[in-house]
Protein backbone atom coordinates (compact mmCIF):
# COMPACT_ATOMS: atom_id res chain seq x y z
CA MET A 1 78.00 76.64 134.42
CA SER A 2 75.95 80.06 133.66
CA PRO A 3 77.21 81.93 130.47
CA GLN A 4 78.31 84.96 132.62
CA ARG A 5 81.10 82.55 134.23
CA ARG A 6 81.86 80.18 130.88
CA PRO A 7 85.37 80.79 129.82
CA GLN A 8 85.50 82.95 126.49
CA ALA A 9 86.94 80.01 124.06
CA ARG A 10 83.58 77.96 125.38
CA GLN A 11 81.26 80.66 124.50
CA LEU A 12 80.38 79.12 121.14
CA LEU A 13 79.02 75.66 122.53
CA THR A 14 75.52 75.02 123.24
CA VAL A 15 74.57 72.79 126.27
CA GLN A 16 73.82 69.99 123.77
CA SER A 17 77.78 70.34 122.12
CA GLU A 18 79.09 70.43 125.74
CA ARG A 19 77.32 67.48 126.57
CA ILE A 20 77.74 65.46 123.41
CA LEU A 21 81.63 66.07 123.97
CA ALA A 22 81.57 65.46 127.55
CA THR A 23 79.57 61.83 127.17
CA CYS A 24 80.80 60.60 123.82
CA TYR A 25 84.35 62.38 123.52
CA ALA A 26 85.43 62.24 127.34
CA GLY A 27 89.31 62.90 127.65
CA GLN A 28 90.04 63.88 124.25
CA VAL A 29 91.08 67.80 123.48
CA ARG A 30 87.89 69.62 122.50
CA ALA A 31 89.38 71.58 119.76
CA ALA A 32 90.29 68.47 118.02
CA VAL A 33 86.94 66.66 117.96
CA ILE A 34 85.49 69.95 117.01
CA GLU A 35 87.91 70.41 114.45
CA ARG A 36 87.37 66.97 112.48
CA ALA A 37 83.38 67.39 112.99
CA LEU A 38 84.26 70.79 111.05
CA ARG A 39 86.32 69.10 108.60
CA ARG A 40 83.90 66.08 108.13
CA MET A 41 80.85 68.84 107.67
CA ALA A 42 82.70 70.58 105.18
CA ALA A 43 83.72 67.44 103.11
CA ASP A 44 80.15 66.64 102.90
CA ASP A 45 79.00 70.07 102.06
CA MET A 46 81.79 70.27 99.09
CA ARG A 47 79.85 67.02 98.15
CA ALA A 48 76.58 68.05 98.10
CA GLU A 49 77.37 71.47 96.29
CA ARG A 50 79.31 69.29 93.59
CA LYS A 51 76.28 66.96 93.22
CA ALA A 52 74.16 69.81 92.59
CA LEU A 53 76.32 71.62 90.11
CA ARG A 54 76.50 68.35 87.95
CA GLU A 55 72.75 67.83 88.36
CA GLY A 56 72.10 71.59 87.54
CA GLU A 57 74.19 71.15 84.12
CA ARG A 58 72.28 68.20 83.16
CA PRO A 59 69.70 69.25 80.07
């Protein structure tokens, strides 16, 4: 689907992310899949940030 014809809510999805959703998560609610991925990414980022802070506090 061309960018001009894509629904507004899908404008943030890349072609690759659309493929992943269609092949790996077919039949699932896209918003739920994306939210789950964002939650995991945020948790990973928070863990990495805490680890960096701990390592920075060491003498």
